[in-house]
Amino acid sequence: MTAALEADTMTRSQRRARLDELIAEIRVIEDRRTRSNLDLRQIQIQQLRPSFEGVKDFTR
């Protein structure tokens, strides 16, 4: 995009618009990854919960 700007085939506002689009795409990907990681953590917690309950009962 910088080369296109230097060659006068793209304006700064066009470059800014394209960068904004790319940033929005990145945010969507990051949000999906964050939600996926949270889902994995919730599954891990559910899998470990019985073990913790057993330990909690044992320590009473």
PDB file of N, CA and C in Angstrom:
ATOM      1  N   MET A   1       0.816  -1.180   0.000  1.00  0.00           N
ATOM      2  CA  MET A   1       0.000   0.000   0.000  1.00  0.00           C
ATOM      3  C   MET A   1       0.864   1.249   0.000  1.00  0.00           C
ATOM      4  N   THR A   2       1.993   1.179   0.664  1.00  0.00           N
ATOM      5  CA  THR A   2       2.885   2.329   0.667  1.00  0.00           C
ATOM      6  C   THR A   2       3.390   2.622  -0.741  1.00  0.00           C
ATOM      7  N   ALA A   3       3.733   1.569  -1.467  1.00  0.00           N
ATOM      8  CA  ALA A   3       4.193   1.749  -2.847  1.00  0.00           C
ATOM      9  C   ALA A   3       3.082   2.337  -3.708  1.00  0.00           C
ATOM     10  N   ALA A   4       1.848   1.884  -3.490  1.00  0.00           N
ATOM     11  CA  ALA A   4       0.720   2.425  -4.246  1.00  0.00           C
ATOM     12  C   ALA A   4       0.513   3.899  -3.918  1.00  0.00           C
ATOM     13  N   LEU A   5       0.713   4.238  -2.679  1.00  0.00           N
ATOM     14  CA  LEU A   5       0.591   5.642  -2.277  1.00  0.00           C
ATOM     15  C   LEU A   5       1.656   6.482  -2.968  1.00  0.00           C
ATOM     16  N   GLU A   6       2.880   5.974  -2.974  1.00  0.00           N
ATOM     17  CA  GLU A   6       3.983   6.700  -3.619  1.00  0.00           C
ATOM     18  C   GLU A   6       3.783   6.805  -5.122  1.00  0.00           C
ATOM     19  N   ALA A   7       3.136   5.815  -5.714  1.00  0.00           N
ATOM     20  CA  ALA A   7       2.902   5.816  -7.161  1.00  0.00           C
ATOM     21  C   ALA A   7       1.630   6.582  -7.525  1.00  0.00           C
ATOM     22  N   ASP A   8       0.996   7.174  -6.543  1.00  0.00           N
ATOM     23  CA  ASP A   8      -0.255   7.918  -6.738  1.00  0.00           C
ATOM     24  C   ASP A   8      -1.382   7.064  -7.310  1.00  0.00           C
ATOM     25  N   THR A   9      -1.392   5.772  -6.970  1.00  0.00           N
ATOM     26  CA  THR A   9      -2.494   4.908  -7.394  1.00  0.00           C
ATOM     27  C   THR A   9      -3.446   4.648  -6.228  1.00  0.00           C
ATOM     28  N   MET A  10      -3.104   5.190  -5.077  1.00  0.00           N
ATOM     29  CA  MET A  10      -3.948   5.060  -3.889  1.00  0.00           C
ATOM     30  C   MET A  10      -3.812   6.336  -3.079  1.00  0.00           C
ATOM     31  N   THR A  11      -4.918   6.775  -2.511  1.00  0.00           N
ATOM     32  CA  THR A  11      -4.867   7.967  -1.667  1.00  0.00           C
ATOM     33  C   THR A  11      -4.672   7.553  -0.212  1.00  0.00           C
ATOM     34  N   ARG A  12      -4.326   8.498   0.594  1.00  0.00           N
ATOM     35  CA  ARG A  12      -4.162   8.216   2.022  1.00  0.00           C
ATOM     36  C   ARG A  12      -5.475   7.765   2.643  1.00  0.00           C
ATOM     37  N   SER A  13      -6.561   8.370   2.221  1.00  0.00           N
ATOM     38  CA  SER A  13      -7.861   7.969   2.781  1.00  0.00           C
ATOM     39  C   SER A  13      -8.229   6.542   2.334  1.00  0.00           C
ATOM     40  N   GLN A  14      -7.855   6.150   1.129  1.00  0.00           N
ATOM     41  CA  GLN A  14      -8.085   4.772   0.688  1.00  0.00           C
ATOM     42  C   GLN A  14      -7.232   3.805   1.513  1.00  0.00           C
ATOM     43  N   ARG A  15      -5.977   4.200   1.747  1.00  0.00           N
ATOM     44  CA  ARG A  15      -5.109   3.343   2.562  1.00  0.00           C
ATOM     45  C   ARG A  15      -5.671   3.220   3.974  1.00  0.00           C
ATOM     46  N   ARG A  16      -6.117   4.338   4.546  1.00  0.00           N
ATOM     47  CA  ARG A  16      -6.681   4.327   5.895  1.00  0.00           C
ATOM     48  C   ARG A  16      -7.913   3.427   5.944  1.00  0.00           C
ATOM     49  N   ALA A  17      -8.764   3.509   4.908  1.00  0.00           N
ATOM     50  CA  ALA A  17      -9.960   2.665   4.861  1.00  0.00           C
ATOM     51  C   ALA A  17      -9.572   1.189   4.799  1.00  0.00           C
ATOM     52  N   ARG A  18      -8.581   0.871   3.998  1.00  0.00           N
ATOM     53  CA  ARG A  18      -8.132  -0.529   3.890  1.00  0.00           C
ATOM     54  C   ARG A  18      -7.536  -1.013   5.204  1.00  0.00           C
ATOM     55  N   LEU A  19      -6.748  -0.179   5.841  1.00  0.00           N
ATOM     56  CA  LEU A  19      -6.167  -0.548   7.136  1.00  0.00           C
ATOM     57  C   LEU A  19      -7.270  -0.767   8.173  1.00  0.00           C
ATOM     58  N   ASP A  20      -8.288   0.083   8.155  1.00  0.00           N
ATOM     59  CA  ASP A  20      -9.419  -0.095   9.084  1.00  0.00           C
ATOM     60  C   ASP A  20     -10.112  -1.425   8.840  1.00  0.00           C
ATOM     61  N   GLU A  21     -10.270  -1.812   7.562  1.00  0.00           N
ATOM     62  CA  GLU A  21     -10.867  -3.110   7.239  1.00  0.00           C
ATOM     63  C   GLU A  21     -10.020  -4.255   7.794  1.00  0.00           C
ATOM     64  N   LEU A  22      -8.711  -4.155   7.601  1.00  0.00           N
ATOM     65  CA  LEU A  22      -7.810  -5.199   8.084  1.00  0.00           C
ATOM     66  C   LEU A  22      -7.836  -5.297   9.608  1.00  0.00           C
ATOM     67  N   ILE A  23      -7.870  -4.155  10.263  1.00  0.00           N
ATOM     68  CA  ILE A  23      -7.933  -4.136  11.727  1.00  0.00           C
ATOM     69  C   ILE A  23      -9.223  -4.787  12.208  1.00  0.00           C
ATOM     70  N   ALA A  24     -10.330  -4.511  11.524  1.00  0.00           N
ATOM     71  CA  ALA A  24     -11.608  -5.132  11.895  1.00  0.00           C
ATOM     72  C   ALA A  24     -11.541  -6.644  11.715  1.00  0.00           C
ATOM     73  N   GLU A  25     -10.925  -7.110  10.640  1.00  0.00           N
ATOM     74  CA  GLU A  25     -10.779  -8.549  10.414  1.00  0.00           C
ATOM     75  C   GLU A  25      -9.940  -9.192  11.509  1.00  0.00           C
ATOM     76  N   ILE A  26      -8.883  -8.526  11.900  1.00  0.00           N
ATOM     77  CA  ILE A  26      -8.008  -9.034  12.964  1.00  0.00           C
ATOM     78  C   ILE A  26      -8.780  -9.128  14.275  1.00  0.00           C
ATOM     79  N   ARG A  27      -9.595  -8.121  14.570  1.00  0.00           N
ATOM     80  CA  ARG A  27     -10.380  -8.143  15.812  1.00  0.00           C
ATOM     81  C   ARG A  27     -11.349  -9.318  15.839  1.00  0.00           C
ATOM     82  N   VAL A  28     -11.971  -9.602  14.696  1.00  0.00           N
ATOM     83  CA  VAL A  28     -12.895 -10.738  14.620  1.00  0.00           C
ATOM     84  C   VAL A  28     -12.145 -12.034  14.925  1.00  0.00           C
ATOM     85  N   ILE A  29     -10.972 -12.196  14.320  1.00  0.00           N
ATOM     86  CA  ILE A  29     -10.166 -13.398  14.539  1.00  0.00           C
ATOM     87  C   ILE A  29      -9.756 -13.504  16.008  1.00  0.00           C
ATOM     88  N   GLU A  30      -9.317 -12.389  16.584  1.00  0.00           N
ATOM     89  CA  GLU A  30      -8.900 -12.402  17.987  1.00  0.00           C
ATOM     90  C   GLU A  30     -10.072 -12.717  18.904  1.00  0.00           C
ATOM     91  N   ASP A  31     -11.256 -12.158  18.604  1.00  0.00           N
ATOM     92  CA  ASP A  31     -12.443 -12.436  19.419  1.00  0.00           C
ATOM     93  C   ASP A  31     -12.805 -13.911  19.361  1.00  0.00           C
ATOM     94  N   ARG A  32     -12.737 -14.492  18.160  1.00  0.00           N
ATOM     95  CA  ARG A  32     -13.032 -15.921  18.023  1.00  0.00           C
ATOM     96  C   ARG A  32     -12.054 -16.755  18.833  1.00  0.00           C
ATOM     97  N   ARG A  33     -10.783 -16.389  18.755  1.00  0.00           N
ATOM     98  CA  ARG A  33      -9.758 -17.134  19.482  1.00  0.00           C
ATOM     99  C   ARG A  33      -9.987 -17.005  20.990  1.00  0.00           C
ATOM    100  N   THR A  34     -10.331 -15.815  21.440  1.00  0.00           N
ATOM    101  CA  THR A  34     -10.582 -15.609  22.865  1.00  0.00           C
ATOM    102  C   THR A  34     -11.766 -16.439  23.328  1.00  0.00           C
ATOM    103  N   ARG A  35     -12.860 -16.434  22.529  1.00  0.00           N
ATOM    104  CA  ARG A  35     -14.027 -17.237  22.889  1.00  0.00           C
ATOM    105  C   ARG A  35     -13.692 -18.718  22.885  1.00  0.00           C
ATOM    106  N   SER A  36     -12.894 -19.135  21.927  1.00  0.00           N
ATOM    107  CA  SER A  36     -12.497 -20.541  21.847  1.00  0.00           C
ATOM    108  C   SER A  36     -11.678 -20.926  23.073  1.00  0.00           C
ATOM    109  N   ASN A  37     -10.756 -20.062  23.467  1.00  0.00           N
ATOM    110  CA  ASN A  37      -9.941 -20.334  24.660  1.00  0.00           C
ATOM    111  C   ASN A  37     -10.804 -20.394  25.909  1.00  0.00           C
ATOM    112  N   LEU A  38     -11.801 -19.515  25.999  1.00  0.00           N
ATOM    113  CA  LEU A  38     -12.701 -19.545  27.156  1.00  0.00           C
ATOM    114  C   LEU A  38     -13.511 -20.835  27.164  1.00  0.00           C
ATOM    115  N   ASP A  39     -13.971 -21.262  26.000  1.00  0.00           N
ATOM    116  CA  ASP A  39     -14.710 -22.523  25.917  1.00  0.00           C
ATOM    117  C   ASP A  39     -13.846 -23.687  26.380  1.00  0.00           C
ATOM    118  N   LEU A  40     -12.588 -23.704  25.949  1.00  0.00           N
ATOM    119  CA  LEU A  40     -11.680 -24.776  26.368  1.00  0.00           C
ATOM    120  C   LEU A  40     -11.468 -24.757  27.875  1.00  0.00           C
ATOM    121  N   ARG A  41     -11.324 -23.572  28.448  1.00  0.00           N
ATOM    122  CA  ARG A  41     -11.133 -23.472  29.899  1.00  0.00           C
ATOM    123  C   ARG A  41     -12.361 -23.979  30.643  1.00  0.00           C
ATOM    124  N   GLN A  42     -13.539 -23.641  30.128  1.00  0.00           N
ATOM    125  CA  GLN A  42     -14.754 -24.111  30.789  1.00  0.00           C
ATOM    126  C   GLN A  42     -14.851 -25.634  30.732  1.00  0.00           C
ATOM    127  N   ILE A  43     -14.474 -26.223  29.625  1.00  0.00           N
ATOM    128  CA  ILE A  43     -14.475 -27.691  29.505  1.00  0.00           C
ATOM    129  C   ILE A  43     -13.483 -28.294  30.493  1.00  0.00           C
ATOM    130  N   GLN A  44     -12.296 -27.689  30.591  1.00  0.00           N
ATOM    131  CA  GLN A  44     -11.287 -28.203  31.522  1.00  0.00           C
ATOM    132  C   GLN A  44     -11.786 -28.109  32.958  1.00  0.00           C
ATOM    133  N   ILE A  45     -12.430 -27.013  33.293  1.00  0.00           N
ATOM    134  CA  ILE A  45     -12.956 -26.847  34.650  1.00  0.00           C
ATOM    135  C   ILE A  45     -14.011 -27.909  34.936  1.00  0.00           C
ATOM    136  N   GLN A  46     -14.893 -28.142  33.972  1.00  0.00           N
ATOM    137  CA  GLN A  46     -15.927 -29.160  34.161  1.00  0.00           C
ATOM    138  C   GLN A  46     -15.312 -30.540  34.339  1.00  0.00           C
ATOM    139  N   GLN A  47     -14.234 -30.811  33.619  1.00  0.00           N
ATOM    140  CA  GLN A  47     -13.577 -32.107  33.739  1.00  0.00           C
ATOM    141  C   GLN A  47     -12.866 -32.249  35.078  1.00  0.00           C
ATOM    142  N   LEU A  48     -12.344 -31.165  35.605  1.00  0.00           N
ATOM    143  CA  LEU A  48     -11.604 -31.221  36.864  1.00  0.00           C
ATOM    144  C   LEU A  48     -12.492 -31.096  38.094  1.00  0.00           C
ATOM    145  N   ARG A  49     -13.685 -30.579  37.927  1.00  0.00           N
ATOM    146  CA  ARG A  49     -14.574 -30.334  39.066  1.00  0.00           C
ATOM    147  C   ARG A  49     -14.776 -31.574  39.939  1.00  0.00           C
ATOM    148  N   PRO A  50     -15.035 -32.749  39.380  1.00  0.00           N
ATOM    149  CA  PRO A  50     -15.211 -33.929  40.252  1.00  0.00           C
ATOM    150  C   PRO A  50     -13.971 -34.213  41.109  1.00  0.00           C
ATOM    151  N   SER A  51     -12.798 -33.997  40.561  1.00  0.00           N
ATOM    152  CA  SER A  51     -11.575 -34.226  41.332  1.00  0.00           C
ATOM    153  C   SER A  51     -11.487 -33.261  42.500  1.00  0.00           C
ATOM    154  N   PHE A  52     -11.822 -31.991  42.240  1.00  0.00           N
ATOM    155  CA  PHE A  52     -11.775 -31.000  43.314  1.00  0.00           C
ATOM    156  C   PHE A  52     -12.826 -31.283  44.376  1.00  0.00           C
ATOM    157  N   GLU A  53     -13.992 -31.729  43.941  1.00  0.00           N
ATOM    158  CA  GLU A  53     -15.036 -32.073  44.903  1.00  0.00           C
ATOM    159  C   GLU A  53     -14.565 -33.216  45.796  1.00  0.00           C
ATOM    160  N   GLY A  54     -13.889 -34.198  45.214  1.00  0.00           N
ATOM    161  CA  GLY A  54     -13.368 -35.307  46.003  1.00  0.00           C
ATOM    162  C   GLY A  54     -12.341 -34.841  47.021  1.00  0.00           C
ATOM    163  N   VAL A  55     -11.475 -33.946  46.624  1.00  0.00           N
ATOM    164  CA  VAL A  55     -10.452 -33.408  47.536  1.00  0.00           C
ATOM    165  C   VAL A  55     -11.125 -32.581  48.616  1.00  0.00           C
ATOM    166  N   LYS A  56     -12.116 -31.787  48.249  1.00  0.00           N
ATOM    167  CA  LYS A  56     -12.799 -30.957  49.209  1.00  0.00           C
ATOM    168  C   LYS A  56     -13.495 -31.823  50.262  1.00  0.00           C
ATOM    169  N   ASP A  57     -14.146 -32.914  49.822  1.00  0.00           N
ATOM    170  CA  ASP A  57     -14.781 -33.823  50.766  1.00  0.00           C
ATOM    171  C   ASP A  57     -13.756 -34.504  51.662  1.00  0.00           C
ATOM    172  N   PHE A  58     -12.615 -34.828  51.121  1.00  0.00           N
ATOM    173  CA  PHE A  58     -11.556 -35.511  51.859  1.00  0.00           C
ATOM    174  C   PHE A  58     -10.979 -34.630  52.956  1.00  0.00           C
ATOM    175  N   THR A  59     -10.918 -33.332  52.747  1.00  0.00           N
ATOM    176  CA  THR A  59     -10.280 -32.427  53.705  1.00  0.00           C
ATOM    177  C   THR A  59     -11.236 -31.970  54.800  1.00  0.00           C
ATOM    178  N   ARG A  60     -12.463 -32.386  54.755  1.00  0.00           N
ATOM    179  CA  ARG A  60     -13.423 -31.956  55.811  1.00  0.00           C
ATOM    180  C   ARG A  60     -13.309 -32.820  57.023  1.00  0.00           C
TER     181      ARG A  60
END
